[in-house]
Amino acid sequence: MTQIALIIGTTMGGAEAVADELQERLEQAGHQCHPTLTPELTTLRQFDHWLVVTSTHGAGDLPDNLVPFQAELTQQKPDLGTTRLALCGIGDSSYDTFCGALDHLEPLMRSLGAIPLVDRIEIDVQSPEIPEDQALRWIESYLERL
């Protein structure tokens, strides 16, 4: 069983709905998720696996609830060399900053040593397919690597 920090960045609740579905699937597979809307390094450091599910706010920005986390990473520059990462972005492709929140977090986390287990997914809310269904297909490749 893997302990997974489930980091959720949300403004209007869409990312939370996706995260809930992913948590349920991961727990069905025998893993334990620890969801947080207020991620802090002191808590996250106890987990080797971080699953980030985030929407994009404004002009490609992080949701307000993840801004302090980004600042903490930037200021403290922790060694994330033991951190295995998975990134799920949710956005609207009609904006040129589609899933821009990931463009802030991914390079930062990688520069600190985090290692992606799977390619990130960018879910388009304009797609006729339900975001949760897209995420559930993607999480299967993540499960194969745990």
Protein backbone atom coordinates (compact mmCIF):
# COMPACT_ATOMS: atom_id res chain seq x y z
CA MET A 1 0.00 0.00 0.00
CA THR A 2 1.30 3.42 -0.99
CA GLN A 3 0.60 6.56 1.01
CA ILE A 4 -0.24 9.39 -1.41
CA ALA A 5 -0.52 13.10 -0.67
CA LEU A 6 -3.42 14.35 -2.79
CA ILE A 7 -2.81 18.08 -3.33
CA ILE A 8 -5.93 19.85 -4.62
CA GLY A 9 -5.94 23.30 -6.17
CA THR A 10 -9.43 24.59 -6.79
CA THR A 11 -11.44 27.74 -7.22
CA MET A 12 -14.93 26.55 -8.10
CA GLY A 13 -14.84 22.88 -7.06
CA GLY A 14 -14.17 21.15 -10.37
CA ALA A 15 -10.73 19.94 -9.34
CA GLU A 16 -12.17 18.66 -6.07
CA ALA A 17 -14.69 16.52 -7.93
CA VAL A 18 -11.94 15.01 -10.06
CA ALA A 19 -9.73 14.48 -7.00
CA ASP A 20 -12.57 12.72 -5.17
CA GLU A 21 -12.95 10.24 -8.05
CA LEU A 22 -9.20 9.63 -8.22
CA GLN A 23 -9.02 9.11 -4.47
CA GLU A 24 -11.82 6.56 -4.62
CA ARG A 25 -10.08 4.64 -7.43
CA LEU A 26 -6.70 4.69 -5.68
CA GLU A 27 -8.25 3.47 -2.44
CA GLN A 28 -10.07 0.69 -4.31
CA ALA A 29 -6.63 -0.39 -5.52
CA GLY A 30 -5.40 -0.59 -1.92
CA HIS A 31 -3.57 2.73 -1.59
CA GLN A 32 -4.22 5.42 0.98
CA CYS A 33 -4.78 9.05 -0.03
CA HIS A 34 -4.37 12.09 2.18
CA PRO A 35 -6.21 14.97 0.49
CA THR A 36 -5.37 18.57 1.29
CA LEU A 37 -6.57 21.95 0.10
CA THR A 38 -3.87 23.65 2.19
CA PRO A 39 -0.63 21.84 1.40
CA GLU A 40 2.35 22.53 3.66
CA LEU A 41 5.83 21.09 3.29
CA THR A 42 6.03 19.97 6.90
CA THR A 43 3.08 17.65 6.30
CA LEU A 44 3.87 16.65 2.73
CA ARG A 45 7.45 15.62 3.51
CA GLN A 46 6.12 12.44 5.14
CA PHE A 47 4.85 11.24 1.73
CA ASP A 48 7.02 10.04 -1.15
CA HIS A 49 4.11 10.24 -3.61
CA TRP A 50 2.37 13.51 -4.48
CA LEU A 51 -0.65 13.61 -6.76
CA VAL A 52 -1.55 17.17 -7.71
CA VAL A 53 -5.01 17.88 -9.12
CA THR A 54 -5.47 21.53 -9.95
CA SER A 55 -7.57 23.89 -11.96
CA THR A 56 -6.17 27.06 -13.52
CA HIS A 57 -7.36 30.44 -12.33
CA GLY A 58 -7.37 33.79 -14.10
CA ALA A 59 -4.69 34.19 -16.75
CA GLY A 60 -2.98 30.84 -16.25
CA ASP A 61 -2.46 31.22 -12.52
CA LEU A 62 -2.62 28.79 -9.65
CA PRO A 63 -5.82 28.72 -7.63
CA ASP A 64 -5.52 30.94 -4.55
CA ASN A 65 -5.29 27.96 -2.22
CA LEU A 66 -2.04 26.76 -3.87
CA VAL A 67 -0.26 30.13 -3.98
CA PRO A 68 1.17 29.78 -0.42
CA PHE A 69 2.41 26.27 -1.31
CA GLN A 70 4.17 27.57 -4.41
CA ALA A 71 5.75 30.35 -2.32
CA GLU A 72 6.88 27.82 0.27
CA LEU A 73 8.55 25.68 -2.41
CA THR A 74 10.19 28.72 -3.97
CA GLN A 75 11.49 30.14 -0.70
CA GLN A 76 12.58 26.94 1.05
CA LYS A 77 13.87 25.09 -2.02
CA PRO A 78 13.46 21.65 -0.39
CA ASP A 79 15.14 18.60 -1.85
CA LEU A 80 12.30 16.65 -3.47
CA GLY A 81 14.59 13.92 -4.81
CA THR A 82 12.55 11.18 -3.13
CA THR A 83 9.21 12.62 -4.28
CA ARG A 84 7.33 10.79 -7.03
CA LEU A 85 4.94 13.13 -8.79
CA ALA A 86 1.75 12.94 -10.85
CA LEU A 87 0.04 16.06 -12.22
CA CYS A 88 -3.56 16.42 -13.33
CA GLY A 89 -4.59 19.81 -14.70
CA ILE A 90 -8.10 20.96 -15.43
CA GLY A 91 -8.73 23.90 -17.71
CA ASP A 92 -10.62 25.45 -20.57
CA SER A 93 -8.93 25.18 -23.95
CA SER A 94 -10.65 28.32 -25.19
CA TYR A 95 -8.04 30.23 -23.14
CA ASP A 96 -4.45 30.50 -24.34
CA THR A 97 -3.33 29.78 -20.77
CA PHE A 98 -5.00 26.34 -20.82
CA CYS A 99 -3.85 24.36 -17.77
CA GLY A 100 -1.36 27.12 -16.99
CA ALA A 101 -1.26 26.21 -13.30
CA LEU A 102 0.71 23.10 -14.24
CA ASP A 103 3.18 25.29 -16.13
CA HIS A 104 3.96 26.98 -12.80
CA LEU A 105 4.14 23.89 -10.61
CA GLU A 106 5.76 21.25 -12.79
CA PRO A 107 9.03 23.04 -13.61
CA LEU A 108 9.34 24.23 -10.01
CA MET A 109 8.85 20.76 -8.55
CA ARG A 110 11.15 19.15 -11.12
CA SER A 111 13.87 21.74 -10.44
CA LEU A 112 13.70 20.65 -6.79
CA GLY A 113 14.20 17.00 -7.77
CA ALA A 114 10.65 15.60 -7.94
CA ILE A 115 10.38 12.75 -10.43
CA PRO A 116 7.19 12.34 -12.47
CA LEU A 117 5.84 8.79 -12.48
CA VAL A 118 3.59 9.46 -15.47
CA ASP A 119 3.09 12.19 -18.03
CA ARG A 120 0.83 14.93 -16.82
CA ILE A 121 -2.74 15.06 -18.05
CA GLU A 122 -4.49 18.23 -19.16
CA ILE A 123 -8.25 17.87 -18.98
CA ASP A 124 -10.32 20.20 -21.13
CA VAL A 125 -13.68 21.14 -19.62
CA GLN A 126 -14.82 22.01 -23.16
CA SER A 127 -14.53 18.35 -24.13
CA PRO A 128 -17.79 16.44 -24.43
CA GLU A 129 -16.26 13.80 -22.17
CA ILE A 130 -16.73 14.16 -18.42
CA PRO A 131 -13.48 15.35 -16.72
CA GLU A 132 -13.67 12.61 -14.10
CA ASP A 133 -13.81 9.93 -16.82
CA GLN A 134 -10.68 11.33 -18.48
CA ALA A 135 -8.87 11.40 -15.15
CA LEU A 136 -9.89 7.85 -14.27
CA ARG A 137 -8.43 6.53 -17.53
CA TRP A 138 -5.18 8.39 -16.86
CA ILE A 139 -4.89 7.17 -13.26
CA GLU A 140 -4.64 3.58 -14.48
CA SER A 141 -1.15 4.27 -15.90
CA TYR A 142 -0.22 5.83 -12.56
CA LEU A 143 -1.45 2.72 -10.73
CA GLU A 144 0.73 0.53 -12.93
CA ARG A 145 3.81 2.40 -11.73
CA LEU A 146 3.08 2.43 -8.01
